Amino acid sequence: MTHIENPFFSALESIMQFKEIGNPTYIALETFRKSGEGVVTPVWVVAEGGKLYVWTVGDSGKVKRIRNNGRVHIAVSDSRGTPKSEWVEATARVLDTPADEEKQRRRLASKYGWQFHMFNFMNRFSRNKA
């Protein structure tokens, strides 16, 4: 995993509204295109120190949209991104140090176990084939 290919981004300085969610398996993350149109994606999440951390590959649309505009909405969701709670407005940013990325990668791997490792493997395999 490299800093460029697999950044994490920390979503949330407005976590206080989100404390009652506990430790969900998925959240729906809504990022915004330059046109203002929202794009909802289900993501895995871990919480630490009043922030939520999610994982995605560095060249994903989510990362591009967050780099352009850190305003996001989040809600507890199912694996398809269907919200199961009220939406909460938050601010997201891409983590900027490899040490921060690695720390959150380990936490996500611990929470999601073999699923996290399989997803990571399949993602690398599918990207190498293209």
N, C-alpha and C. Protein backbone atom coordinates (compact mmCIF):
# COMPACT_ATOMS: atom_id res chain seq x y z
N MET A 1 0.85 -1.17 0.00
CA MET A 1 0.00 0.00 0.00
C MET A 1 0.89 1.23 0.00
N THR A 2 0.64 2.12 -0.92
CA THR A 2 1.45 3.33 -0.99
C THR A 2 0.61 4.55 -0.62
N HIS A 3 1.32 5.60 -0.32
CA HIS A 3 0.66 6.84 0.07
C HIS A 3 -0.24 7.37 -1.05
N ILE A 4 0.20 7.24 -2.27
CA ILE A 4 -0.57 7.79 -3.39
C ILE A 4 -1.76 6.90 -3.75
N GLU A 5 -1.55 5.59 -3.77
CA GLU A 5 -2.61 4.68 -4.22
C GLU A 5 -3.73 4.50 -3.22
N ASN A 6 -3.43 4.52 -1.94
CA ASN A 6 -4.44 4.16 -0.96
C ASN A 6 -4.53 5.12 0.21
N PRO A 7 -4.82 6.40 -0.03
CA PRO A 7 -4.96 7.27 1.13
C PRO A 7 -6.24 6.99 1.89
N PHE A 8 -6.21 7.28 3.16
CA PHE A 8 -7.42 7.28 3.97
C PHE A 8 -7.87 8.72 4.01
N PHE A 9 -9.08 8.93 4.33
CA PHE A 9 -9.45 10.29 4.65
C PHE A 9 -10.26 10.26 5.92
N SER A 10 -10.04 11.26 6.72
CA SER A 10 -10.72 11.38 7.97
C SER A 10 -11.97 12.18 7.68
N ALA A 11 -13.10 11.62 8.02
CA ALA A 11 -14.32 12.38 7.81
C ALA A 11 -14.84 12.77 9.17
N LEU A 12 -14.62 13.92 9.57
CA LEU A 12 -15.52 14.48 10.53
C LEU A 12 -14.96 15.28 11.66
N GLU A 13 -15.24 16.51 11.57
CA GLU A 13 -15.02 17.33 12.74
C GLU A 13 -16.34 17.56 13.48
N SER A 14 -17.46 17.28 12.85
CA SER A 14 -18.75 17.45 13.52
C SER A 14 -19.25 16.12 14.07
N ILE A 15 -18.35 15.36 14.67
CA ILE A 15 -18.65 14.01 15.15
C ILE A 15 -19.59 14.01 16.36
N MET A 16 -19.67 15.09 17.09
CA MET A 16 -20.48 15.11 18.30
C MET A 16 -21.93 14.69 18.00
N GLN A 17 -22.46 15.09 16.85
CA GLN A 17 -23.82 14.71 16.48
C GLN A 17 -23.91 13.22 16.15
N PHE A 18 -22.78 12.59 15.92
CA PHE A 18 -22.77 11.22 15.42
C PHE A 18 -22.41 10.20 16.49
N LYS A 19 -22.18 10.64 17.73
CA LYS A 19 -21.72 9.73 18.78
C LYS A 19 -22.69 8.59 19.05
N GLU A 20 -23.98 8.84 18.96
CA GLU A 20 -24.96 7.82 19.31
C GLU A 20 -25.02 6.66 18.32
N ILE A 21 -24.30 6.72 17.22
CA ILE A 21 -24.35 5.63 16.24
C ILE A 21 -23.60 4.39 16.70
N GLY A 22 -22.71 4.52 17.67
CA GLY A 22 -21.95 3.37 18.13
C GLY A 22 -20.83 3.03 17.16
N ASN A 23 -20.78 1.78 16.74
CA ASN A 23 -19.70 1.29 15.90
C ASN A 23 -20.28 0.59 14.68
N PRO A 24 -20.84 1.33 13.73
CA PRO A 24 -21.52 0.69 12.59
C PRO A 24 -20.55 -0.01 11.66
N THR A 25 -21.05 -0.98 10.92
CA THR A 25 -20.24 -1.66 9.91
C THR A 25 -20.05 -0.76 8.70
N TYR A 26 -21.10 -0.08 8.29
CA TYR A 26 -21.05 0.79 7.11
C TYR A 26 -21.61 2.17 7.44
N ILE A 27 -21.08 3.17 6.74
CA ILE A 27 -21.76 4.46 6.69
C ILE A 27 -21.94 4.81 5.22
N ALA A 28 -22.99 5.56 4.95
CA ALA A 28 -23.17 6.14 3.62
C ALA A 28 -22.43 7.47 3.64
N LEU A 29 -21.55 7.65 2.68
CA LEU A 29 -20.77 8.88 2.56
C LEU A 29 -21.22 9.59 1.30
N GLU A 30 -21.76 10.78 1.47
CA GLU A 30 -22.18 11.58 0.31
C GLU A 30 -21.15 12.67 0.07
N THR A 31 -20.51 12.60 -1.08
CA THR A 31 -19.56 13.63 -1.52
C THR A 31 -20.22 14.41 -2.64
N PHE A 32 -19.63 15.54 -3.00
CA PHE A 32 -20.30 16.43 -3.95
C PHE A 32 -19.43 16.76 -5.16
N ARG A 33 -20.04 16.61 -6.34
CA ARG A 33 -19.37 17.00 -7.59
C ARG A 33 -19.29 18.52 -7.67
N LYS A 34 -18.49 19.02 -8.59
CA LYS A 34 -18.38 20.47 -8.78
C LYS A 34 -19.73 21.10 -9.09
N SER A 35 -20.61 20.32 -9.73
CA SER A 35 -21.95 20.82 -10.06
C SER A 35 -22.86 20.92 -8.84
N GLY A 36 -22.42 20.34 -7.71
CA GLY A 36 -23.24 20.32 -6.50
C GLY A 36 -24.02 19.03 -6.33
N GLU A 37 -24.02 18.18 -7.37
CA GLU A 37 -24.73 16.90 -7.30
C GLU A 37 -24.05 15.98 -6.30
N GLY A 38 -24.85 15.37 -5.41
CA GLY A 38 -24.32 14.45 -4.41
C GLY A 38 -24.13 13.05 -4.97
N VAL A 39 -23.10 12.37 -4.49
CA VAL A 39 -22.81 10.99 -4.87
C VAL A 39 -22.67 10.20 -3.57
N VAL A 40 -23.55 9.21 -3.35
CA VAL A 40 -23.55 8.42 -2.12
C VAL A 40 -22.84 7.10 -2.35
N THR A 41 -21.94 6.76 -1.42
CA THR A 41 -21.18 5.51 -1.50
C THR A 41 -21.12 4.89 -0.10
N PRO A 42 -21.37 3.57 0.03
CA PRO A 42 -21.17 2.94 1.33
C PRO A 42 -19.67 2.72 1.57
N VAL A 43 -19.23 2.96 2.80
CA VAL A 43 -17.82 2.77 3.15
C VAL A 43 -17.72 2.15 4.54
N TRP A 44 -16.61 1.42 4.77
CA TRP A 44 -16.29 0.92 6.11
C TRP A 44 -15.76 2.08 6.93
N VAL A 45 -15.89 1.98 8.25
CA VAL A 45 -15.54 3.11 9.10
C VAL A 45 -14.99 2.63 10.45
N VAL A 46 -14.03 3.38 10.98
CA VAL A 46 -13.56 3.22 12.36
C VAL A 46 -13.54 4.60 13.00
N ALA A 47 -13.77 4.63 14.30
CA ALA A 47 -13.78 5.90 15.03
C ALA A 47 -12.59 5.97 15.97
N GLU A 48 -12.03 7.17 16.10
CA GLU A 48 -10.94 7.39 17.05
C GLU A 48 -10.83 8.88 17.33
N GLY A 49 -10.74 9.22 18.60
CA GLY A 49 -10.47 10.60 18.98
C GLY A 49 -11.46 11.61 18.43
N GLY A 50 -12.73 11.26 18.40
CA GLY A 50 -13.73 12.21 17.93
C GLY A 50 -13.82 12.35 16.42
N LYS A 51 -13.17 11.44 15.69
CA LYS A 51 -13.21 11.47 14.23
C LYS A 51 -13.54 10.09 13.71
N LEU A 52 -14.08 10.06 12.50
CA LEU A 52 -14.32 8.81 11.79
C LEU A 52 -13.29 8.70 10.68
N TYR A 53 -12.84 7.48 10.42
CA TYR A 53 -11.88 7.23 9.34
C TYR A 53 -12.46 6.19 8.40
N VAL A 54 -12.38 6.46 7.13
CA VAL A 54 -12.83 5.52 6.11
C VAL A 54 -11.69 5.26 5.14
N TRP A 55 -11.82 4.22 4.34
CA TRP A 55 -10.76 3.81 3.42
C TRP A 55 -11.29 3.75 2.00
N THR A 56 -10.45 4.18 1.08
CA THR A 56 -10.71 4.00 -0.34
C THR A 56 -9.40 4.17 -1.08
N VAL A 57 -9.37 3.77 -2.33
CA VAL A 57 -8.15 3.94 -3.13
C VAL A 57 -7.98 5.40 -3.52
N GLY A 58 -6.74 5.80 -3.72
CA GLY A 58 -6.41 7.21 -3.91
C GLY A 58 -6.95 7.86 -5.16
N ASP A 59 -7.22 7.06 -6.20
CA ASP A 59 -7.72 7.68 -7.43
C ASP A 59 -9.23 7.51 -7.59
N SER A 60 -9.90 7.17 -6.50
CA SER A 60 -11.35 6.99 -6.57
C SER A 60 -12.04 8.34 -6.73
N GLY A 61 -13.26 8.29 -7.20
CA GLY A 61 -14.05 9.51 -7.33
C GLY A 61 -14.26 10.20 -6.00
N LYS A 62 -14.44 9.40 -4.93
CA LYS A 62 -14.64 9.99 -3.59
C LYS A 62 -13.47 10.89 -3.22
N VAL A 63 -12.26 10.39 -3.43
CA VAL A 63 -11.07 11.16 -3.07
C VAL A 63 -10.98 12.43 -3.91
N LYS A 64 -11.22 12.30 -5.19
CA LYS A 64 -11.17 13.49 -6.07
C LYS A 64 -12.18 14.54 -5.62
N ARG A 65 -13.40 14.08 -5.29
CA ARG A 65 -14.43 15.03 -4.87
C ARG A 65 -14.08 15.66 -3.52
N ILE A 66 -13.52 14.88 -2.59
CA ILE A 66 -13.15 15.43 -1.28
C ILE A 66 -11.99 16.41 -1.41
N ARG A 67 -11.04 16.12 -2.28
CA ARG A 67 -9.94 17.08 -2.48
C ARG A 67 -10.49 18.41 -3.01
N ASN A 68 -11.51 18.33 -3.83
CA ASN A 68 -12.12 19.54 -4.40
C ASN A 68 -13.02 20.26 -3.40
N ASN A 69 -13.75 19.49 -2.59
CA ASN A 69 -14.73 20.06 -1.66
C ASN A 69 -14.88 19.10 -0.48
N GLY A 70 -14.42 19.50 0.69
CA GLY A 70 -14.45 18.63 1.87
C GLY A 70 -15.80 18.51 2.55
N ARG A 71 -16.79 19.20 2.04
CA ARG A 71 -18.13 19.09 2.64
C ARG A 71 -18.73 17.74 2.27
N VAL A 72 -19.17 16.98 3.29
CA VAL A 72 -19.78 15.68 3.07
C VAL A 72 -21.00 15.53 3.97
N HIS A 73 -21.83 14.55 3.67
CA HIS A 73 -22.91 14.11 4.55
C HIS A 73 -22.64 12.64 4.85
N ILE A 74 -22.98 12.22 6.07
CA ILE A 74 -22.82 10.82 6.44
C ILE A 74 -24.06 10.33 7.18
N ALA A 75 -24.29 9.03 7.08
CA ALA A 75 -25.39 8.38 7.80
C ALA A 75 -25.02 6.92 7.98
N VAL A 76 -25.47 6.31 9.06
CA VAL A 76 -25.32 4.87 9.21
C VAL A 76 -26.08 4.24 8.04
N SER A 77 -25.51 3.18 7.45
CA SER A 77 -26.16 2.58 6.27
C SER A 77 -25.99 1.08 6.25
N ASP A 78 -26.64 0.46 5.27
CA ASP A 78 -26.38 -0.95 5.00
C ASP A 78 -25.26 -1.04 3.96
N SER A 79 -24.96 -2.25 3.51
CA SER A 79 -23.83 -2.45 2.60
C SER A 79 -24.06 -1.83 1.22
N ARG A 80 -25.29 -1.47 0.91
CA ARG A 80 -25.59 -0.83 -0.38
C ARG A 80 -25.63 0.69 -0.29
N GLY A 81 -25.42 1.23 0.92
CA GLY A 81 -25.43 2.67 1.10
C GLY A 81 -26.80 3.25 1.41
N THR A 82 -27.79 2.38 1.67
CA THR A 82 -29.12 2.86 2.04
C THR A 82 -29.08 3.39 3.47
N PRO A 83 -29.36 4.66 3.68
CA PRO A 83 -29.27 5.24 5.03
C PRO A 83 -30.19 4.55 6.03
N LYS A 84 -29.68 4.36 7.25
CA LYS A 84 -30.45 3.78 8.35
C LYS A 84 -30.54 4.77 9.51
N SER A 85 -30.03 5.98 9.30
CA SER A 85 -30.10 7.04 10.31
C SER A 85 -30.26 8.37 9.58
N GLU A 86 -30.39 9.42 10.35
CA GLU A 86 -30.44 10.76 9.76
C GLU A 86 -29.08 11.12 9.18
N TRP A 87 -29.07 11.95 8.15
CA TRP A 87 -27.83 12.45 7.57
C TRP A 87 -27.22 13.50 8.50
N VAL A 88 -25.90 13.51 8.58
CA VAL A 88 -25.16 14.49 9.38
C VAL A 88 -24.17 15.17 8.45
N GLU A 89 -24.11 16.50 8.50
CA GLU A 89 -23.12 17.23 7.70
C GLU A 89 -21.78 17.16 8.41
N ALA A 90 -20.71 17.01 7.64
CA ALA A 90 -19.37 16.88 8.21
C ALA A 90 -18.35 17.45 7.24
N THR A 91 -17.11 17.48 7.68
CA THR A 91 -15.99 17.91 6.85
C THR A 91 -15.02 16.75 6.71
N ALA A 92 -14.61 16.45 5.49
CA ALA A 92 -13.68 15.35 5.23
C ALA A 92 -12.38 15.91 4.68
N ARG A 93 -11.30 15.18 4.92
CA ARG A 93 -10.01 15.54 4.34
C ARG A 93 -9.23 14.26 4.11
N VAL A 94 -8.33 14.31 3.17
CA VAL A 94 -7.46 13.17 2.88
C VAL A 94 -6.30 13.23 3.87
N LEU A 95 -6.00 12.11 4.51
CA LEU A 95 -4.86 12.08 5.42
C LEU A 95 -3.59 12.34 4.64
N ASP A 96 -2.67 13.07 5.26
CA ASP A 96 -1.51 13.52 4.49
C ASP A 96 -0.18 12.89 4.89
N THR A 97 -0.18 11.94 5.83
CA THR A 97 1.09 11.29 6.16
C THR A 97 0.94 9.78 6.07
N PRO A 98 1.97 9.10 5.58
CA PRO A 98 1.93 7.64 5.53
C PRO A 98 1.72 7.01 6.90
N ALA A 99 2.25 7.61 7.97
CA ALA A 99 2.08 7.06 9.31
C ALA A 99 0.62 7.08 9.73
N ASP A 100 -0.08 8.18 9.45
CA ASP A 100 -1.51 8.25 9.77
C ASP A 100 -2.30 7.23 8.95
N GLU A 101 -1.97 7.10 7.68
CA GLU A 101 -2.65 6.13 6.82
C GLU A 101 -2.46 4.72 7.34
N GLU A 102 -1.23 4.37 7.70
CA GLU A 102 -0.94 3.02 8.17
C GLU A 102 -1.66 2.72 9.48
N LYS A 103 -1.70 3.68 10.38
CA LYS A 103 -2.40 3.50 11.65
C LYS A 103 -3.86 3.16 11.41
N GLN A 104 -4.53 3.91 10.55
CA GLN A 104 -5.95 3.66 10.29
C GLN A 104 -6.16 2.39 9.46
N ARG A 105 -5.23 2.08 8.57
CA ARG A 105 -5.32 0.83 7.82
C ARG A 105 -5.31 -0.36 8.77
N ARG A 106 -4.42 -0.32 9.77
CA ARG A 106 -4.36 -1.41 10.76
C ARG A 106 -5.66 -1.50 11.56
N ARG A 107 -6.22 -0.37 11.93
CA ARG A 107 -7.46 -0.37 12.70
C ARG A 107 -8.62 -0.94 11.86
N LEU A 108 -8.69 -0.55 10.59
CA LEU A 108 -9.73 -1.09 9.71
C LEU A 108 -9.53 -2.59 9.49
N ALA A 109 -8.28 -3.02 9.30
CA ALA A 109 -7.99 -4.44 9.12
C ALA A 109 -8.39 -5.23 10.36
N SER A 110 -8.16 -4.67 11.53
CA SER A 110 -8.54 -5.33 12.77
C SER A 110 -10.06 -5.46 12.88
N LYS A 111 -10.78 -4.42 12.53
CA LYS A 111 -12.24 -4.44 12.63
C LYS A 111 -12.88 -5.36 11.59
N TYR A 112 -12.41 -5.31 10.34
CA TYR A 112 -13.07 -6.03 9.25
C TYR A 112 -12.39 -7.34 8.87
N GLY A 113 -11.20 -7.61 9.44
CA GLY A 113 -10.53 -8.90 9.27
C GLY A 113 -10.33 -9.32 7.83
N TRP A 114 -10.69 -10.58 7.55
CA TRP A 114 -10.44 -11.16 6.23
C TRP A 114 -11.15 -10.37 5.13
N GLN A 115 -12.29 -9.76 5.43
CA GLN A 115 -13.01 -9.00 4.40
C GLN A 115 -12.17 -7.81 3.92
N PHE A 116 -11.52 -7.12 4.86
CA PHE A 116 -10.68 -5.99 4.50
C PHE A 116 -9.51 -6.45 3.63
N HIS A 117 -8.87 -7.54 4.05
CA HIS A 117 -7.72 -8.04 3.29
C HIS A 117 -8.14 -8.52 1.90
N MET A 118 -9.28 -9.20 1.80
CA MET A 118 -9.77 -9.68 0.51
C MET A 118 -10.12 -8.51 -0.40
N PHE A 119 -10.80 -7.51 0.13
CA PHE A 119 -11.16 -6.34 -0.66
C PHE A 119 -9.90 -5.66 -1.18
N ASN A 120 -8.92 -5.49 -0.32
CA ASN A 120 -7.67 -4.85 -0.70
C ASN A 120 -6.96 -5.65 -1.79
N PHE A 121 -6.91 -6.98 -1.64
CA PHE A 121 -6.28 -7.85 -2.63
C PHE A 121 -7.01 -7.76 -3.97
N MET A 122 -8.33 -7.88 -3.94
CA MET A 122 -9.11 -7.85 -5.18
C MET A 122 -8.97 -6.50 -5.88
N ASN A 123 -8.93 -5.44 -5.10
CA ASN A 123 -8.78 -4.11 -5.68
C ASN A 123 -7.43 -3.99 -6.38
N ARG A 124 -6.38 -4.46 -5.75
CA ARG A 124 -5.05 -4.40 -6.38
C ARG A 124 -5.01 -5.25 -7.64
N PHE A 125 -5.60 -6.44 -7.58
CA PHE A 125 -5.61 -7.34 -8.72
C PHE A 125 -6.37 -6.72 -9.89
N SER A 126 -7.54 -6.17 -9.61
CA SER A 126 -8.35 -5.61 -10.69
C SER A 126 -7.70 -4.36 -11.29
N ARG A 127 -7.02 -3.58 -10.49
CA ARG A 127 -6.34 -2.39 -11.01
C ARG A 127 -5.10 -2.76 -11.81
N ASN A 128 -4.43 -3.84 -11.45
CA ASN A 128 -3.25 -4.27 -12.20
C ASN A 128 -3.61 -4.86 -13.55
N LYS A 129 -4.83 -5.36 -13.69
CA LYS A 129 -5.27 -5.96 -14.96
C LYS A 129 -5.63 -4.90 -15.98
N ALA A 130 -5.99 -3.71 -15.51
CA ALA A 130 -6.45 -2.65 -16.42
C ALA A 130 -5.31 -2.04 -17.20
